[in-house]
Amino acid sequence: MSKRGSRIVYLVGVLWLHSLVADGSLHAQGVSFVARRDLGAGGGPLSVAVGDFNGDGIQDLAVANSGFPYNVSVLVGNGDGTFQAAMNFSAGREPRSVAVGDFNGDGIQDLAVANFTSNTVSVLLGNGNGTFQTAVNFGTGFNSFSVAVGDFNGDGIQDLAVANALPNNVSVLLGNGDGTFQTAANFGTGSFPHGVAVGDFNGDGKQDLAVANRGSNNVSVLINNTP
């Protein structure tokens, strides 16, 4: 423990003791971070994703902002842990989640944003310089809460999975490879799904889905059986 004016911080529900030193850094079980730096985003930020949106090899941030005027903030990294001021790009109503992919195969990272009250997923194609084209919206189920990227039919083109809270399902939108997507196919989940993740849970090489259900206090696993 540092002796430079350190004090013990007790965190309720956490077993480990943390030492907060005079410079504001936090140390816990051999891991330490410098004092936090807060960066401006839009109103009501709910989700953040990491990508390289201008192709300079430096990681950038994308933040889904649920408050009006309903947008996604992109903060381009400087490479030293600092970021440039946020640039905002419009999405659908009440964005809840953002994911990064390459939806038109041009090698430039794009964004997908799940929109809670417009029941859509917005796709923003990247220009390669940190900016994005106007969002194109694709229909999902009601109250879209979370979006994830995968390849669910094995064609090498990125697809989308969207967890929809109200109808208790997950929408799968197959990509066409040009930044557009086919009509959503919906699959049942538990109650009030809030989060969706992609993995291969039975080792068959096909991407499956895991969905966190807030209402039923469980996680739904959907095994992919696409021929």
C-alpha atoms as a PDB file:
ATOM      1  CA  MET A   1       0.000   0.000   0.000  1.00  0.00           C
ATOM      2  CA  SER A   2       1.266   3.449  -0.832  1.00  0.00           C
ATOM      3  CA  LYS A   3       2.149   5.638   2.143  1.00  0.00           C
ATOM      4  CA  ARG A   4       1.691   8.899   0.237  1.00  0.00           C
ATOM      5  CA  GLY A   5      -1.370  10.070   2.133  1.00  0.00           C
ATOM      6  CA  SER A   6      -3.227   6.889   1.289  1.00  0.00           C
ATOM      7  CA  ARG A   7      -6.503   5.894   2.876  1.00  0.00           C
ATOM      8  CA  ILE A   8      -8.572   2.747   2.785  1.00  0.00           C
ATOM      9  CA  VAL A   9     -11.812   2.763   0.819  1.00  0.00           C
ATOM     10  CA  TYR A  10     -14.421   0.206   1.899  1.00  0.00           C
ATOM     11  CA  LEU A  11     -16.786  -0.798  -0.910  1.00  0.00           C
ATOM     12  CA  VAL A  12     -20.022  -2.397   0.273  1.00  0.00           C
ATOM     13  CA  GLY A  13     -20.481  -5.839  -1.250  1.00  0.00           C
ATOM     14  CA  VAL A  14     -16.866  -6.032  -2.448  1.00  0.00           C
ATOM     15  CA  LEU A  15     -14.436  -8.331  -0.680  1.00  0.00           C
ATOM     16  CA  TRP A  16     -11.246  -6.522  -1.604  1.00  0.00           C
ATOM     17  CA  LEU A  17      -9.825  -3.450   0.080  1.00  0.00           C
ATOM     18  CA  HIS A  18      -8.787  -0.611  -2.182  1.00  0.00           C
ATOM     19  CA  SER A  19      -6.224   2.084  -1.425  1.00  0.00           C
ATOM     20  CA  LEU A  20      -6.864   5.563  -2.739  1.00  0.00           C
ATOM     21  CA  VAL A  21      -3.594   7.478  -2.918  1.00  0.00           C
ATOM     22  CA  ALA A  22      -3.090  11.198  -2.919  1.00  0.00           C
ATOM     23  CA  ASP A  23      -2.982  11.525  -6.714  1.00  0.00           C
ATOM     24  CA  GLY A  24      -6.484  10.082  -7.000  1.00  0.00           C
ATOM     25  CA  SER A  25      -5.439   6.734  -8.443  1.00  0.00           C
ATOM     26  CA  LEU A  26      -7.147   3.566  -7.261  1.00  0.00           C
ATOM     27  CA  HIS A  27      -5.250   0.371  -6.455  1.00  0.00           C
ATOM     28  CA  ALA A  28      -6.853  -3.047  -6.014  1.00  0.00           C
ATOM     29  CA  GLN A  29      -5.227  -6.499  -5.905  1.00  0.00           C
ATOM     30  CA  GLY A  30      -2.223  -5.443  -7.960  1.00  0.00           C
ATOM     31  CA  VAL A  31      -4.210  -3.449 -10.538  1.00  0.00           C
ATOM     32  CA  SER A  32      -4.210   0.334 -10.609  1.00  0.00           C
ATOM     33  CA  PHE A  33      -5.749   3.115 -12.672  1.00  0.00           C
ATOM     34  CA  VAL A  34      -4.985   6.800 -12.786  1.00  0.00           C
ATOM     35  CA  ALA A  35      -7.699   9.206 -11.720  1.00  0.00           C
ATOM     36  CA  ARG A  36     -10.608   9.094 -14.143  1.00  0.00           C
ATOM     37  CA  ARG A  37     -11.059  11.554 -16.976  1.00  0.00           C
ATOM     38  CA  ASP A  38     -14.667  12.411 -17.858  1.00  0.00           C
ATOM     39  CA  LEU A  39     -15.406  13.151 -21.513  1.00  0.00           C
ATOM     40  CA  GLY A  40     -18.451  14.886 -22.925  1.00  0.00           C
ATOM     41  CA  ALA A  41     -20.995  12.856 -24.882  1.00  0.00           C
ATOM     42  CA  GLY A  42     -24.654  13.400 -25.730  1.00  0.00           C
ATOM     43  CA  GLY A  43     -27.685  13.264 -23.449  1.00  0.00           C
ATOM     44  CA  GLY A  44     -28.338  10.110 -21.454  1.00  0.00           C
ATOM     45  CA  PRO A  45     -25.452   7.914 -22.632  1.00  0.00           C
ATOM     46  CA  LEU A  46     -26.244   4.223 -22.113  1.00  0.00           C
ATOM     47  CA  SER A  47     -23.776   2.166 -24.164  1.00  0.00           C
ATOM     48  CA  VAL A  48     -20.208   2.461 -25.406  1.00  0.00           C
ATOM     49  CA  ALA A  49     -18.224   0.530 -28.010  1.00  0.00           C
ATOM     50  CA  VAL A  50     -14.601   0.645 -29.152  1.00  0.00           C
ATOM     51  CA  GLY A  51     -13.402   0.841 -32.747  1.00  0.00           C
ATOM     52  CA  ASP A  52     -10.965   2.557 -35.084  1.00  0.00           C
ATOM     53  CA  PHE A  53     -13.179   4.842 -37.120  1.00  0.00           C
ATOM     54  CA  ASN A  54     -10.533   6.830 -39.000  1.00  0.00           C
ATOM     55  CA  GLY A  55      -8.081   4.022 -39.740  1.00  0.00           C
ATOM     56  CA  ASP A  56      -5.115   5.507 -37.912  1.00  0.00           C
ATOM     57  CA  GLY A  57      -4.552   2.462 -35.716  1.00  0.00           C
ATOM     58  CA  ILE A  58      -5.703   4.345 -32.614  1.00  0.00           C
ATOM     59  CA  GLN A  59      -8.807   3.211 -30.778  1.00  0.00           C
ATOM     60  CA  ASP A  60     -11.836   5.475 -30.743  1.00  0.00           C
ATOM     61  CA  LEU A  61     -15.152   5.455 -28.867  1.00  0.00           C
ATOM     62  CA  ALA A  62     -18.792   5.350 -29.949  1.00  0.00           C
ATOM     63  CA  VAL A  63     -21.491   6.188 -27.377  1.00  0.00           C
ATOM     64  CA  ALA A  64     -25.248   5.642 -27.757  1.00  0.00           C
ATOM     65  CA  ASN A  65     -27.169   8.566 -26.231  1.00  0.00           C
ATOM     66  CA  SER A  66     -30.756   7.787 -25.215  1.00  0.00           C
ATOM     67  CA  GLY A  67     -31.774  11.407 -24.603  1.00  0.00           C
ATOM     68  CA  PHE A  68     -32.976  13.941 -27.142  1.00  0.00           C
ATOM     69  CA  PRO A  69     -31.841  14.592 -29.873  1.00  0.00           C
ATOM     70  CA  TYR A  70     -31.177  10.820 -30.041  1.00  0.00           C
ATOM     71  CA  ASN A  71     -27.725  10.331 -31.470  1.00  0.00           C
ATOM     72  CA  VAL A  72     -24.444   8.497 -31.200  1.00  0.00           C
ATOM     73  CA  SER A  73     -21.280  10.321 -30.153  1.00  0.00           C
ATOM     74  CA  VAL A  74     -17.952   9.434 -31.742  1.00  0.00           C
ATOM     75  CA  LEU A  75     -14.799  10.431 -29.871  1.00  0.00           C
ATOM     76  CA  VAL A  76     -11.637  10.000 -31.931  1.00  0.00           C
ATOM     77  CA  GLY A  77      -8.630   8.897 -29.900  1.00  0.00           C
ATOM     78  CA  ASN A  78      -5.367  10.817 -29.781  1.00  0.00           C
ATOM     79  CA  GLY A  79      -3.306   7.754 -28.856  1.00  0.00           C
ATOM     80  CA  ASP A  80      -2.282   9.000 -25.418  1.00  0.00           C
ATOM     81  CA  GLY A  81      -5.475   8.177 -23.534  1.00  0.00           C
ATOM     82  CA  THR A  82      -7.148  11.442 -24.479  1.00  0.00           C
ATOM     83  CA  PHE A  83      -9.872  11.957 -27.046  1.00  0.00           C
ATOM     84  CA  GLN A  84     -11.059  14.699 -29.340  1.00  0.00           C
ATOM     85  CA  ALA A  85     -14.386  16.418 -28.738  1.00  0.00           C
ATOM     86  CA  ALA A  86     -17.419  14.297 -29.541  1.00  0.00           C
ATOM     87  CA  MET A  87     -18.975  14.374 -32.990  1.00  0.00           C
ATOM     88  CA  ASN A  88     -22.666  13.480 -32.931  1.00  0.00           C
ATOM     89  CA  PHE A  89     -24.556  11.511 -35.583  1.00  0.00           C
ATOM     90  CA  SER A  90     -28.318  11.061 -35.579  1.00  0.00           C
ATOM     91  CA  ALA A  91     -29.873   7.648 -34.919  1.00  0.00           C
ATOM     92  CA  GLY A  92     -33.429   6.479 -34.202  1.00  0.00           C
ATOM     93  CA  ARG A  93     -35.455   7.392 -31.119  1.00  0.00           C
ATOM     94  CA  GLU A  94     -33.915   6.561 -27.741  1.00  0.00           C
ATOM     95  CA  PRO A  95     -30.740   4.692 -28.718  1.00  0.00           C
ATOM     96  CA  ARG A  96     -29.910   2.091 -26.080  1.00  0.00           C
ATOM     97  CA  SER A  97     -26.984   0.136 -27.521  1.00  0.00           C
ATOM     98  CA  VAL A  98     -24.206   0.506 -30.089  1.00  0.00           C
ATOM     99  CA  ALA A  99     -22.042  -2.116 -31.818  1.00  0.00           C
ATOM    100  CA  VAL A 100     -19.178  -1.945 -34.314  1.00  0.00           C
ATOM    101  CA  GLY A 101     -18.903  -3.921 -37.558  1.00  0.00           C
ATOM    102  CA  ASP A 102     -18.089  -3.697 -41.257  1.00  0.00           C
ATOM    103  CA  PHE A 103     -21.455  -4.054 -42.948  1.00  0.00           C
ATOM    104  CA  ASN A 104     -20.525  -3.249 -46.554  1.00  0.00           C
ATOM    105  CA  GLY A 105     -17.159  -5.010 -46.726  1.00  0.00           C
ATOM    106  CA  ASP A 106     -15.069  -1.945 -47.489  1.00  0.00           C
ATOM    107  CA  GLY A 107     -12.686  -2.444 -44.571  1.00  0.00           C
ATOM    108  CA  ILE A 108     -14.048   0.643 -42.799  1.00  0.00           C
ATOM    109  CA  GLN A 109     -15.772   0.239 -39.446  1.00  0.00           C
ATOM    110  CA  ASP A 110     -19.481   1.015 -39.278  1.00  0.00           C
ATOM    111  CA  LEU A 111     -21.993   1.373 -36.435  1.00  0.00           C
ATOM    112  CA  ALA A 112     -25.250  -0.356 -35.556  1.00  0.00           C
ATOM    113  CA  VAL A 113     -27.513   1.288 -32.971  1.00  0.00           C
ATOM    114  CA  ALA A 114     -30.557  -0.285 -31.276  1.00  0.00           C
ATOM    115  CA  ASN A 115     -33.377   2.258 -30.857  1.00  0.00           C
ATOM    116  CA  PHE A 116     -35.855   1.648 -28.036  1.00  0.00           C
ATOM    117  CA  THR A 117     -38.935   3.661 -29.015  1.00  0.00           C
ATOM    118  CA  SER A 118     -38.617   3.680 -32.809  1.00  0.00           C
ATOM    119  CA  ASN A 119     -38.314  -0.137 -32.831  1.00  0.00           C
ATOM    120  CA  THR A 120     -35.431  -0.049 -35.280  1.00  0.00           C
ATOM    121  CA  VAL A 121     -31.735  -0.585 -35.629  1.00  0.00           C
ATOM    122  CA  SER A 122     -29.821   2.279 -37.236  1.00  0.00           C
ATOM    123  CA  VAL A 123     -26.873   1.451 -39.483  1.00  0.00           C
ATOM    124  CA  LEU A 124     -24.312   4.223 -39.956  1.00  0.00           C
ATOM    125  CA  LEU A 125     -21.704   3.427 -42.593  1.00  0.00           C
ATOM    126  CA  GLY A 126     -18.256   4.817 -41.891  1.00  0.00           C
ATOM    127  CA  ASN A 127     -16.485   7.201 -44.248  1.00  0.00           C
ATOM    128  CA  GLY A 128     -13.046   6.183 -42.984  1.00  0.00           C
ATOM    129  CA  ASN A 129     -12.200   9.574 -41.505  1.00  0.00           C
ATOM    130  CA  GLY A 130     -14.121   9.323 -38.226  1.00  0.00           C
ATOM    131  CA  THR A 131     -17.390  10.537 -39.726  1.00  0.00           C
ATOM    132  CA  PHE A 132     -20.430   8.523 -40.749  1.00  0.00           C
ATOM    133  CA  GLN A 133     -23.101   8.583 -43.411  1.00  0.00           C
ATOM    134  CA  THR A 134     -26.728   9.336 -42.586  1.00  0.00           C
ATOM    135  CA  ALA A 135     -28.311   6.535 -40.587  1.00  0.00           C
ATOM    136  CA  VAL A 136     -30.483   3.996 -42.391  1.00  0.00           C
ATOM    137  CA  ASN A 137     -33.095   2.366 -40.157  1.00  0.00           C
ATOM    138  CA  PHE A 138     -34.221  -1.260 -40.313  1.00  0.00           C
ATOM    139  CA  GLY A 139     -37.242  -2.631 -38.485  1.00  0.00           C
ATOM    140  CA  THR A 140     -36.862  -4.897 -35.453  1.00  0.00           C
ATOM    141  CA  GLY A 141     -39.207  -6.012 -32.690  1.00  0.00           C
ATOM    142  CA  PHE A 142     -40.678  -3.586 -30.166  1.00  0.00           C
ATOM    143  CA  ASN A 143     -38.477  -1.786 -27.643  1.00  0.00           C
ATOM    144  CA  SER A 144     -35.081  -2.715 -29.063  1.00  0.00           C
ATOM    145  CA  PHE A 145     -32.620  -2.717 -26.195  1.00  0.00           C
ATOM    146  CA  SER A 146     -29.339  -4.263 -27.337  1.00  0.00           C
ATOM    147  CA  VAL A 147     -27.536  -5.082 -30.582  1.00  0.00           C
ATOM    148  CA  ALA A 148     -24.707  -7.508 -31.399  1.00  0.00           C
ATOM    149  CA  VAL A 149     -22.828  -8.373 -34.589  1.00  0.00           C
ATOM    150  CA  GLY A 150     -22.288 -11.892 -35.932  1.00  0.00           C
ATOM    151  CA  ASP A 151     -22.434 -14.088 -39.026  1.00  0.00           C
ATOM    152  CA  PHE A 152     -25.412 -16.350 -38.464  1.00  0.00           C
ATOM    153  CA  ASN A 153     -25.711 -18.000 -41.882  1.00  0.00           C
ATOM    154  CA  GLY A 154     -22.005 -18.516 -42.531  1.00  0.00           C
ATOM    155  CA  ASP A 155     -21.787 -16.488 -45.737  1.00  0.00           C
ATOM    156  CA  GLY A 156     -18.955 -14.269 -44.494  1.00  0.00           C
ATOM    157  CA  ILE A 157     -21.241 -11.224 -44.321  1.00  0.00           C
ATOM    158  CA  GLN A 158     -21.926  -9.583 -40.983  1.00  0.00           C
ATOM    159  CA  ASP A 159     -25.451  -9.836 -39.572  1.00  0.00           C
ATOM    160  CA  LEU A 160     -27.223  -8.239 -36.611  1.00  0.00           C
ATOM    161  CA  ALA A 161     -28.992  -9.617 -33.548  1.00  0.00           C
ATOM    162  CA  VAL A 162     -31.247  -7.263 -31.574  1.00  0.00           C
ATOM    163  CA  ALA A 163     -32.843  -7.978 -28.180  1.00  0.00           C
ATOM    164  CA  ASN A 164     -36.411  -6.618 -28.024  1.00  0.00           C
ATOM    165  CA  ALA A 165     -37.757  -6.038 -24.525  1.00  0.00           C
ATOM    166  CA  LEU A 166     -41.530  -5.892 -24.982  1.00  0.00           C
ATOM    167  CA  PRO A 167     -42.374  -8.868 -27.254  1.00  0.00           C
ATOM    168  CA  ASN A 168     -39.756 -11.033 -25.511  1.00  0.00           C
ATOM    169  CA  ASN A 169     -37.744 -11.922 -28.571  1.00  0.00           C
ATOM    170  CA  VAL A 170     -34.533 -11.370 -30.467  1.00  0.00           C
ATOM    171  CA  SER A 171     -34.488 -10.150 -34.060  1.00  0.00           C
ATOM    172  CA  VAL A 172     -31.908 -11.490 -36.506  1.00  0.00           C
ATOM    173  CA  LEU A 173     -31.259  -9.345 -39.577  1.00  0.00           C
ATOM    174  CA  LEU A 174     -29.120 -11.002 -42.236  1.00  0.00           C
ATOM    175  CA  GLY A 175     -26.705  -8.695 -44.011  1.00  0.00           C
ATOM    176  CA  ASN A 176     -26.675  -8.301 -47.782  1.00  0.00           C
ATOM    177  CA  GLY A 177     -23.023  -7.234 -47.855  1.00  0.00           C
ATOM    178  CA  ASP A 178     -23.728  -3.721 -49.117  1.00  0.00           C
ATOM    179  CA  GLY A 179     -24.729  -2.143 -45.800  1.00  0.00           C
ATOM    180  CA  THR A 180     -28.379  -3.160 -46.107  1.00  0.00           C
ATOM    181  CA  PHE A 181     -30.178  -5.942 -44.270  1.00  0.00           C
ATOM    182  CA  GLN A 182     -32.999  -8.372 -44.901  1.00  0.00           C
ATOM    183  CA  THR A 183     -36.298  -8.280 -43.023  1.00  0.00           C
ATOM    184  CA  ALA A 184     -35.912  -9.300 -39.394  1.00  0.00           C
ATOM    185  CA  ALA A 185     -36.664 -12.850 -38.289  1.00  0.00           C
ATOM    186  CA  ASN A 186     -37.769 -13.036 -34.645  1.00  0.00           C
ATOM    187  CA  PHE A 187     -36.999 -15.777 -32.099  1.00  0.00           C
ATOM    188  CA  GLY A 188     -38.531 -16.091 -28.636  1.00  0.00           C
ATOM    189  CA  THR A 189     -36.569 -15.440 -25.450  1.00  0.00           C
ATOM    190  CA  GLY A 190     -37.322 -15.071 -21.763  1.00  0.00           C
ATOM    191  CA  SER A 191     -39.170 -12.096 -20.334  1.00  0.00           C
ATOM    192  CA  PHE A 192     -38.008  -8.537 -21.041  1.00  0.00           C
ATOM    193  CA  PRO A 193     -34.651  -9.273 -22.732  1.00  0.00           C
ATOM    194  CA  HIS A 194     -32.096  -6.526 -22.198  1.00  0.00           C
ATOM    195  CA  GLY A 195     -28.814  -7.835 -23.605  1.00  0.00           C
ATOM    196  CA  VAL A 196     -27.622 -10.108 -26.402  1.00  0.00           C
ATOM    197  CA  ALA A 197     -24.207 -11.672 -27.050  1.00  0.00           C
ATOM    198  CA  VAL A 198     -22.760 -13.919 -29.756  1.00  0.00           C
ATOM    199  CA  GLY A 199     -20.757 -17.125 -29.256  1.00  0.00           C
ATOM    200  CA  ASP A 200     -20.366 -20.745 -30.350  1.00  0.00           C
ATOM    201  CA  PHE A 201     -21.702 -22.700 -27.392  1.00  0.00           C
ATOM    202  CA  ASN A 202     -21.690 -26.237 -28.806  1.00  0.00           C
ATOM    203  CA  GLY A 203     -18.489 -26.114 -30.843  1.00  0.00           C
ATOM    204  CA  ASP A 204     -20.076 -26.713 -34.243  1.00  0.00           C
ATOM    205  CA  GLY A 205     -18.597 -23.583 -35.823  1.00  0.00           C
ATOM    206  CA  LYS A 206     -21.954 -21.798 -35.999  1.00  0.00           C
ATOM    207  CA  GLN A 207     -22.609 -18.609 -34.081  1.00  0.00           C
ATOM    208  CA  ASP A 208     -25.235 -18.882 -31.351  1.00  0.00           C
ATOM    209  CA  LEU A 209     -26.977 -16.291 -29.195  1.00  0.00           C
ATOM    210  CA  ALA A 210     -27.200 -15.661 -25.454  1.00  0.00           C
ATOM    211  CA  VAL A 211     -29.875 -13.251 -24.256  1.00  0.00           C
ATOM    212  CA  ALA A 212     -30.124 -11.767 -20.746  1.00  0.00           C
ATOM    213  CA  ASN A 213     -33.749 -11.556 -19.587  1.00  0.00           C
ATOM    214  CA  ARG A 214     -34.460  -8.986 -16.909  1.00  0.00           C
ATOM    215  CA  GLY A 215     -38.084  -9.989 -16.366  1.00  0.00           C
ATOM    216  CA  SER A 216     -37.583 -13.744 -15.950  1.00  0.00           C
ATOM    217  CA  ASN A 217     -34.207 -13.537 -14.205  1.00  0.00           C
ATOM    218  CA  ASN A 218     -32.500 -15.905 -16.597  1.00  0.00           C
ATOM    219  CA  VAL A 219     -30.463 -16.113 -19.778  1.00  0.00           C
ATOM    220  CA  SER A 220     -31.776 -17.679 -22.971  1.00  0.00           C
ATOM    221  CA  VAL A 221     -29.363 -19.663 -25.150  1.00  0.00           C
ATOM    222  CA  LEU A 222     -30.383 -20.039 -28.794  1.00  0.00           C
ATOM    223  CA  ILE A 223     -28.360 -22.677 -30.652  1.00  0.00           C
ATOM    224  CA  ASN A 224     -27.934 -21.938 -34.344  1.00  0.00           C
ATOM    225  CA  ASN A 225     -29.187 -24.760 -36.587  1.00  0.00           C
ATOM    226  CA  THR A 226     -28.941 -22.962 -39.921  1.00  0.00           C
ATOM    227  CA  PRO A 227     -28.217 -25.610 -42.615  1.00  0.00           C
END
